[in-house]
N, C-alpha and C. Protein backbone atom coordinates (compact mmCIF):
# COMPACT_ATOMS: atom_id res chain seq x y z
N UNK A 1 -3.53 3.10 0.47
CA UNK A 1 -4.73 2.78 -0.44
C UNK A 1 -5.73 1.83 0.35
N UNK A 2 -6.94 2.21 0.31
CA UNK A 2 -7.89 1.38 1.01
C UNK A 2 -8.31 0.17 0.04
N UNK A 3 -8.14 -0.91 0.48
CA UNK A 3 -8.55 -2.00 -0.33
C UNK A 3 -8.78 -3.35 0.51
N UNK A 4 -9.54 -4.28 -0.25
CA UNK A 4 -10.00 -5.60 0.32
C UNK A 4 -9.42 -6.65 -0.72
N UNK A 5 -8.67 -7.67 -0.04
CA UNK A 5 -8.22 -8.67 -0.97
C UNK A 5 -8.71 -10.08 -0.51
N UNK A 6 -9.51 -10.67 -1.36
CA UNK A 6 -10.00 -11.97 -0.96
C UNK A 6 -8.94 -13.08 -1.53
N UNK A 7 -8.87 -14.15 -0.82
CA UNK A 7 -8.09 -15.28 -1.10
C UNK A 7 -8.81 -16.56 -0.56
N UNK A 8 -8.13 -17.68 -1.02
CA UNK A 8 -8.68 -19.01 -0.35
C UNK A 8 -9.70 -19.77 -1.28
N UNK A 9 -10.07 -19.15 -2.44
CA UNK A 9 -11.00 -19.92 -3.20
C UNK A 9 -10.15 -20.97 -3.99
N UNK A 10 -11.00 -21.78 -4.68
CA UNK A 10 -10.25 -22.94 -5.44
C UNK A 10 -11.35 -23.94 -5.81
N UNK A 11 -10.73 -25.23 -6.23
CA UNK A 11 -11.50 -26.20 -6.57
C UNK A 11 -11.59 -27.10 -5.38
N UNK A 12 -12.87 -27.68 -5.06
CA UNK A 12 -13.07 -28.59 -3.91
C UNK A 12 -14.13 -29.43 -4.37
N UNK A 13 -14.05 -30.66 -3.72
CA UNK A 13 -15.05 -31.69 -4.11
C UNK A 13 -16.33 -31.35 -3.29
N UNK A 14 -17.45 -31.87 -3.92
CA UNK A 14 -18.85 -31.71 -3.22
C UNK A 14 -18.73 -32.20 -1.75
N UNK A 15 -19.17 -31.40 -0.91
CA UNK A 15 -19.10 -31.87 0.53
C UNK A 15 -17.82 -31.41 1.19
N UNK A 16 -16.86 -30.89 0.48
CA UNK A 16 -15.67 -30.44 1.03
C UNK A 16 -15.75 -29.10 1.68
N UNK A 17 -14.66 -28.61 2.18
CA UNK A 17 -14.48 -27.21 2.80
C UNK A 17 -13.47 -26.36 2.28
N UNK A 18 -13.64 -25.03 2.37
CA UNK A 18 -12.68 -24.02 2.07
C UNK A 18 -12.78 -22.81 3.08
N UNK A 19 -11.77 -22.19 3.37
CA UNK A 19 -11.84 -21.10 4.11
C UNK A 19 -11.29 -19.80 3.38
N UNK A 20 -12.17 -18.86 3.13
CA UNK A 20 -12.01 -17.72 2.35
C UNK A 20 -11.45 -16.71 3.41
N UNK A 21 -10.58 -15.87 2.87
CA UNK A 21 -9.98 -14.74 3.78
C UNK A 21 -10.26 -13.34 2.97
N UNK A 22 -10.42 -12.28 3.72
CA UNK A 22 -10.60 -11.02 3.35
C UNK A 22 -9.78 -10.05 4.04
N UNK A 23 -8.57 -9.87 3.44
CA UNK A 23 -7.57 -8.85 4.25
C UNK A 23 -7.83 -7.49 3.84
N UNK A 24 -7.74 -6.71 4.87
CA UNK A 24 -7.97 -5.16 4.56
C UNK A 24 -6.56 -4.55 4.75
N UNK A 25 -6.41 -3.50 3.87
CA UNK A 25 -5.23 -2.70 4.03
C UNK A 25 -5.64 -1.26 3.79
N UNK A 26 -4.84 -0.34 4.42
CA UNK A 26 -5.28 1.02 4.30
C UNK A 26 -6.16 1.68 5.32
N UNK A 27 -6.89 0.53 6.04
CA UNK A 27 -7.88 0.93 7.08
C UNK A 27 -8.07 -0.20 8.08
N UNK A 28 -8.57 0.10 9.16
CA UNK A 28 -8.99 -1.12 10.01
C UNK A 28 -10.43 -1.47 9.94
N UNK A 29 -10.61 -2.74 10.05
CA UNK A 29 -11.99 -3.24 9.97
C UNK A 29 -12.89 -3.09 11.22
N UNK A 30 -12.12 -2.60 12.26
CA UNK A 30 -12.90 -2.31 13.47
C UNK A 30 -14.04 -1.36 13.22
N UNK A 31 -15.14 -1.63 13.78
CA UNK A 31 -16.35 -0.81 13.68
C UNK A 31 -17.06 -0.95 12.24
N UNK A 32 -16.56 -1.78 11.40
CA UNK A 32 -17.23 -2.01 10.23
C UNK A 32 -18.13 -3.24 10.19
N UNK A 33 -18.97 -3.32 9.30
CA UNK A 33 -19.66 -4.72 9.14
C UNK A 33 -19.03 -5.22 7.86
N UNK A 34 -18.70 -6.45 7.82
CA UNK A 34 -18.12 -6.91 6.54
C UNK A 34 -18.94 -8.03 6.08
N UNK A 35 -19.36 -8.01 4.82
CA UNK A 35 -20.39 -8.88 4.31
C UNK A 35 -19.56 -9.86 3.26
N UNK A 36 -20.11 -10.93 3.01
CA UNK A 36 -19.60 -11.96 1.97
C UNK A 36 -20.75 -12.04 1.06
N UNK A 37 -20.51 -11.82 -0.24
CA UNK A 37 -21.45 -12.08 -1.36
C UNK A 37 -20.87 -13.07 -2.24
N UNK A 38 -21.73 -13.69 -3.07
CA UNK A 38 -21.27 -14.48 -4.11
C UNK A 38 -22.21 -14.25 -5.47
N UNK A 39 -21.55 -14.36 -6.45
CA UNK A 39 -22.31 -14.38 -7.80
C UNK A 39 -21.86 -15.37 -8.67
N UNK A 40 -22.86 -16.26 -9.04
CA UNK A 40 -22.73 -17.30 -9.97
C UNK A 40 -23.02 -16.77 -11.49
N UNK A 41 -22.39 -17.39 -12.44
CA UNK A 41 -22.73 -17.06 -13.83
C UNK A 41 -24.21 -17.01 -14.17
N UNK A 42 -24.71 -15.81 -14.60
CA UNK A 42 -25.97 -15.75 -15.09
C UNK A 42 -27.02 -15.56 -13.92
N UNK A 43 -26.50 -15.32 -12.67
CA UNK A 43 -27.35 -15.03 -11.50
C UNK A 43 -27.09 -13.81 -10.86
N UNK A 44 -27.92 -13.22 -9.99
CA UNK A 44 -27.70 -12.13 -9.35
C UNK A 44 -26.80 -12.35 -8.12
N UNK A 45 -26.09 -11.25 -7.78
CA UNK A 45 -25.17 -11.42 -6.70
C UNK A 45 -26.16 -11.55 -5.40
N UNK A 46 -25.64 -12.40 -4.49
CA UNK A 46 -26.40 -12.63 -3.29
C UNK A 46 -25.54 -12.59 -1.96
N UNK A 47 -26.08 -11.99 -0.98
CA UNK A 47 -25.48 -11.81 0.35
C UNK A 47 -25.61 -13.09 1.05
N UNK A 48 -24.54 -13.76 1.53
CA UNK A 48 -24.56 -14.92 2.20
C UNK A 48 -24.11 -14.85 3.75
N UNK A 49 -23.39 -13.96 4.06
CA UNK A 49 -22.89 -13.83 5.56
C UNK A 49 -22.39 -12.41 5.77
N UNK A 50 -22.42 -12.09 6.99
CA UNK A 50 -22.02 -10.71 7.42
C UNK A 50 -21.58 -10.75 8.94
N UNK A 51 -20.66 -9.98 9.31
CA UNK A 51 -20.26 -9.92 10.61
C UNK A 51 -19.98 -8.32 10.95
N UNK A 52 -20.62 -7.89 12.05
CA UNK A 52 -20.45 -6.63 12.62
C UNK A 52 -19.17 -6.61 13.56
N UNK A 53 -18.24 -5.89 13.31
CA UNK A 53 -17.05 -6.22 14.17
C UNK A 53 -17.14 -5.58 15.54
N UNK A 54 -18.01 -4.63 15.63
CA UNK A 54 -18.19 -3.86 17.00
C UNK A 54 -18.71 -4.83 18.09
N UNK A 55 -19.53 -5.65 17.78
CA UNK A 55 -20.12 -6.80 18.66
C UNK A 55 -20.10 -8.20 18.15
N UNK A 56 -19.40 -8.43 17.07
CA UNK A 56 -19.37 -9.76 16.60
C UNK A 56 -20.70 -10.44 16.25
N UNK A 57 -21.78 -9.60 16.02
CA UNK A 57 -22.93 -10.16 15.59
C UNK A 57 -22.90 -10.67 14.15
N UNK A 58 -23.57 -11.62 13.80
CA UNK A 58 -23.51 -12.30 12.52
C UNK A 58 -24.87 -12.46 11.81
N UNK A 59 -24.85 -12.58 10.51
CA UNK A 59 -26.05 -12.88 9.66
C UNK A 59 -25.65 -13.96 8.79
N UNK A 60 -26.55 -14.91 8.55
CA UNK A 60 -26.23 -15.98 7.65
C UNK A 60 -27.52 -16.11 6.55
N UNK A 61 -27.29 -16.22 5.49
CA UNK A 61 -28.41 -16.70 4.52
C UNK A 61 -28.88 -18.16 4.99
N UNK A 62 -30.28 -18.32 4.80
CA UNK A 62 -30.81 -19.53 5.40
C UNK A 62 -30.14 -20.80 4.80
N UNK A 63 -29.68 -20.75 3.55
CA UNK A 63 -29.29 -21.84 2.81
C UNK A 63 -27.87 -22.27 3.29
N UNK A 64 -27.16 -21.37 3.96
CA UNK A 64 -25.79 -21.60 4.39
C UNK A 64 -25.62 -21.78 5.98
N UNK A 65 -26.78 -21.57 6.59
CA UNK A 65 -26.79 -21.67 8.12
C UNK A 65 -26.25 -23.06 8.50
N UNK A 66 -25.43 -23.12 9.61
CA UNK A 66 -25.00 -24.35 10.08
C UNK A 66 -23.90 -24.97 9.28
N UNK A 67 -23.47 -24.32 8.11
CA UNK A 67 -22.35 -24.87 7.31
C UNK A 67 -21.28 -23.83 7.14
N UNK A 68 -21.61 -22.59 7.07
CA UNK A 68 -20.79 -21.49 6.84
C UNK A 68 -20.52 -20.84 8.21
N UNK A 69 -19.34 -20.20 8.52
CA UNK A 69 -19.13 -19.43 9.64
C UNK A 69 -18.22 -18.30 9.26
N UNK A 70 -18.54 -17.06 9.68
CA UNK A 70 -17.83 -15.90 9.54
C UNK A 70 -17.15 -15.37 10.72
N UNK A 71 -15.97 -15.02 10.73
CA UNK A 71 -15.16 -14.59 11.90
C UNK A 71 -14.21 -13.55 11.42
N UNK A 72 -13.54 -12.80 12.51
CA UNK A 72 -12.48 -11.86 12.10
C UNK A 72 -11.36 -11.75 13.07
N UNK A 73 -10.26 -11.51 12.58
CA UNK A 73 -9.10 -11.35 13.36
C UNK A 73 -8.64 -9.97 13.48
N UNK A 74 -8.73 -9.44 14.63
CA UNK A 74 -8.43 -8.00 14.80
C UNK A 74 -7.01 -7.65 14.52
N UNK A 75 -6.12 -8.51 15.02
CA UNK A 75 -4.69 -8.35 14.78
C UNK A 75 -4.36 -8.40 13.26
N UNK A 76 -4.84 -9.40 12.69
CA UNK A 76 -4.53 -9.59 11.19
C UNK A 76 -5.32 -8.75 10.37
N UNK A 77 -6.22 -7.99 10.94
CA UNK A 77 -7.24 -7.15 10.10
C UNK A 77 -7.82 -7.95 8.96
N UNK A 78 -8.27 -9.17 9.24
CA UNK A 78 -8.82 -10.05 8.22
C UNK A 78 -10.09 -10.63 8.70
N UNK A 79 -10.99 -10.77 7.81
CA UNK A 79 -12.25 -11.47 8.06
C UNK A 79 -12.20 -12.89 7.32
N UNK A 80 -12.78 -13.91 7.80
CA UNK A 80 -12.67 -15.21 7.31
C UNK A 80 -14.19 -15.79 6.99
N UNK A 81 -14.29 -16.62 5.92
CA UNK A 81 -15.51 -17.32 5.90
C UNK A 81 -15.17 -18.79 5.82
N UNK A 82 -15.49 -19.46 6.60
CA UNK A 82 -15.33 -20.98 6.75
C UNK A 82 -16.58 -21.55 6.09
N UNK A 83 -16.31 -22.34 5.04
CA UNK A 83 -17.37 -22.97 4.33
C UNK A 83 -17.22 -24.44 4.32
N UNK A 84 -18.23 -25.10 5.03
CA UNK A 84 -18.24 -26.49 5.05
C UNK A 84 -19.34 -27.19 4.25
N UNK A 85 -19.13 -28.49 3.96
CA UNK A 85 -20.21 -29.16 3.16
C UNK A 85 -20.67 -28.48 2.00
N UNK A 86 -19.64 -27.96 1.19
CA UNK A 86 -20.07 -27.23 -0.15
C UNK A 86 -20.85 -28.13 -1.04
N UNK A 87 -21.83 -27.43 -1.54
CA UNK A 87 -22.84 -28.21 -2.43
C UNK A 87 -22.90 -27.58 -3.79
N UNK A 88 -23.60 -28.06 -4.75
CA UNK A 88 -23.53 -27.64 -6.20
C UNK A 88 -24.10 -26.03 -6.16
N UNK A 89 -24.72 -25.53 -5.36
CA UNK A 89 -25.17 -24.19 -5.47
C UNK A 89 -23.90 -23.17 -5.11
N UNK A 90 -22.88 -23.85 -4.71
CA UNK A 90 -21.83 -22.92 -4.25
C UNK A 90 -20.80 -22.34 -5.16
N UNK A 91 -20.58 -22.89 -6.40
CA UNK A 91 -19.68 -22.32 -7.39
C UNK A 91 -20.11 -20.84 -7.73
N UNK A 92 -19.10 -20.07 -7.46
CA UNK A 92 -19.48 -18.60 -7.85
C UNK A 92 -18.09 -17.91 -7.48
N UNK A 93 -18.21 -16.55 -7.88
CA UNK A 93 -17.04 -15.62 -7.40
C UNK A 93 -17.51 -15.03 -5.97
N UNK A 94 -16.76 -15.13 -5.13
CA UNK A 94 -17.06 -14.76 -3.91
C UNK A 94 -16.43 -13.46 -3.54
N UNK A 95 -17.10 -12.54 -2.93
CA UNK A 95 -16.55 -11.11 -2.74
C UNK A 95 -16.78 -10.88 -1.15
N UNK A 96 -15.98 -10.07 -0.64
CA UNK A 96 -16.25 -9.29 0.55
C UNK A 96 -16.31 -7.88 0.53
N UNK A 97 -16.91 -7.29 1.34
CA UNK A 97 -17.23 -5.87 1.28
C UNK A 97 -17.45 -5.19 2.59
N UNK A 98 -17.29 -3.87 2.71
CA UNK A 98 -17.49 -3.22 4.00
C UNK A 98 -18.75 -2.36 4.00
N UNK A 99 -19.38 -2.32 5.13
CA UNK A 99 -20.42 -1.46 5.45
C UNK A 99 -20.07 -0.53 6.61
N UNK A 100 -20.23 0.71 6.68
CA UNK A 100 -19.59 1.58 7.74
C UNK A 100 -20.31 1.41 9.00
N UNK A 101 -21.42 0.67 9.10
CA UNK A 101 -22.14 0.64 10.35
C UNK A 101 -22.72 -0.66 10.59
N UNK A 102 -23.42 -1.35 9.76
CA UNK A 102 -24.20 -2.53 10.15
C UNK A 102 -24.25 -3.54 8.94
N UNK A 103 -24.92 -4.72 9.27
CA UNK A 103 -25.29 -5.66 8.24
C UNK A 103 -26.71 -5.32 7.91
N UNK A 104 -26.83 -4.83 6.64
CA UNK A 104 -28.02 -4.39 6.24
C UNK A 104 -29.03 -5.40 5.83
N UNK A 105 -29.82 -6.00 6.69
CA UNK A 105 -30.75 -7.15 6.45
C UNK A 105 -32.16 -6.71 6.27
N UNK A 106 -32.80 -6.93 5.16
CA UNK A 106 -34.15 -6.45 4.83
C UNK A 106 -34.89 -7.78 4.56
N UNK A 107 -35.93 -8.03 5.19
CA UNK A 107 -36.71 -9.22 5.03
C UNK A 107 -35.96 -10.44 4.94
N UNK A 108 -34.99 -10.57 5.79
CA UNK A 108 -34.19 -11.72 5.81
C UNK A 108 -33.05 -11.74 4.71
N UNK A 109 -32.91 -10.86 4.01
CA UNK A 109 -31.94 -10.85 2.93
C UNK A 109 -30.84 -9.71 3.26
N UNK A 110 -29.68 -10.17 3.09
CA UNK A 110 -28.49 -9.19 3.22
C UNK A 110 -28.45 -8.41 2.06
N UNK A 111 -28.76 -6.98 1.95
CA UNK A 111 -28.76 -6.19 0.92
C UNK A 111 -27.30 -5.51 0.79
N UNK A 112 -26.94 -5.13 -0.42
CA UNK A 112 -25.69 -4.64 -0.67
C UNK A 112 -25.57 -3.13 -0.95
N UNK A 113 -26.69 -2.25 -0.67
CA UNK A 113 -26.59 -0.97 -1.00
C UNK A 113 -25.77 -0.08 -0.19
N UNK A 114 -25.35 -0.44 0.97
CA UNK A 114 -24.37 0.41 1.76
C UNK A 114 -23.02 -0.10 1.66
N UNK A 115 -22.73 -1.07 1.05
CA UNK A 115 -21.36 -1.64 1.07
C UNK A 115 -20.46 -0.82 0.09
N UNK A 116 -19.42 -0.17 0.55
CA UNK A 116 -18.82 0.89 -0.20
C UNK A 116 -17.62 0.33 -0.72
N UNK A 117 -16.67 -0.51 -0.04
CA UNK A 117 -15.38 -1.07 -0.47
C UNK A 117 -15.49 -2.41 -0.74
N UNK A 118 -15.17 -2.98 -1.86
CA UNK A 118 -15.29 -4.28 -2.33
C UNK A 118 -13.96 -4.90 -2.87
N UNK A 119 -13.72 -6.13 -2.60
CA UNK A 119 -12.60 -6.71 -3.05
C UNK A 119 -12.87 -7.22 -4.50
N UNK A 120 -11.74 -7.93 -5.05
CA UNK A 120 -11.92 -8.31 -6.53
C UNK A 120 -12.50 -9.64 -6.68
N UNK A 121 -12.71 -10.26 -5.65
CA UNK A 121 -13.40 -11.67 -5.61
C UNK A 121 -12.39 -12.80 -5.66
N UNK A 122 -12.95 -13.97 -5.18
CA UNK A 122 -12.09 -15.20 -5.27
C UNK A 122 -13.04 -16.28 -5.79
N UNK A 123 -12.62 -17.13 -6.74
CA UNK A 123 -13.40 -18.09 -7.34
C UNK A 123 -13.55 -19.36 -6.61
N UNK A 124 -14.70 -19.95 -6.42
CA UNK A 124 -14.95 -21.14 -5.76
C UNK A 124 -15.55 -22.12 -6.78
N UNK A 125 -14.98 -23.23 -6.94
CA UNK A 125 -15.58 -24.34 -7.91
C UNK A 125 -15.70 -25.64 -7.11
N UNK A 126 -16.88 -26.22 -7.39
CA UNK A 126 -17.13 -27.37 -6.68
C UNK A 126 -17.29 -28.57 -7.70
N UNK A 127 -16.64 -29.70 -7.57
CA UNK A 127 -16.68 -30.72 -8.38
C UNK A 127 -17.56 -31.83 -7.80
N UNK A 128 -18.20 -32.66 -8.58
CA UNK A 128 -19.19 -33.71 -8.06
C UNK A 128 -18.39 -34.95 -7.89
């Protein structure tokens, strides 16, 4: 069964860090692009980071550049999102998803139209 499972979410203080994991099973992440998205209550889902495993090229939304880092472990077949200096905009349900080819960035925004397999999400909460 092809699936993605996110983990690592939780409650963190403002300014703190979390590392999210996206573990794939039933297929290998090699040659896919894996995107991270988040959706806060009442807001649209937004793409925040993406990695293309074939060349490890990455994309970051401007608001997370310098604070978030996406990476992947070929052996563990897992993608990570290291999130540092979390701020009040961070609380949301965080998802990972796969695109068969690339990180589809349009006008500087990571679009989700080609991402076919999605995880169930992991909740991130930030306390002040």
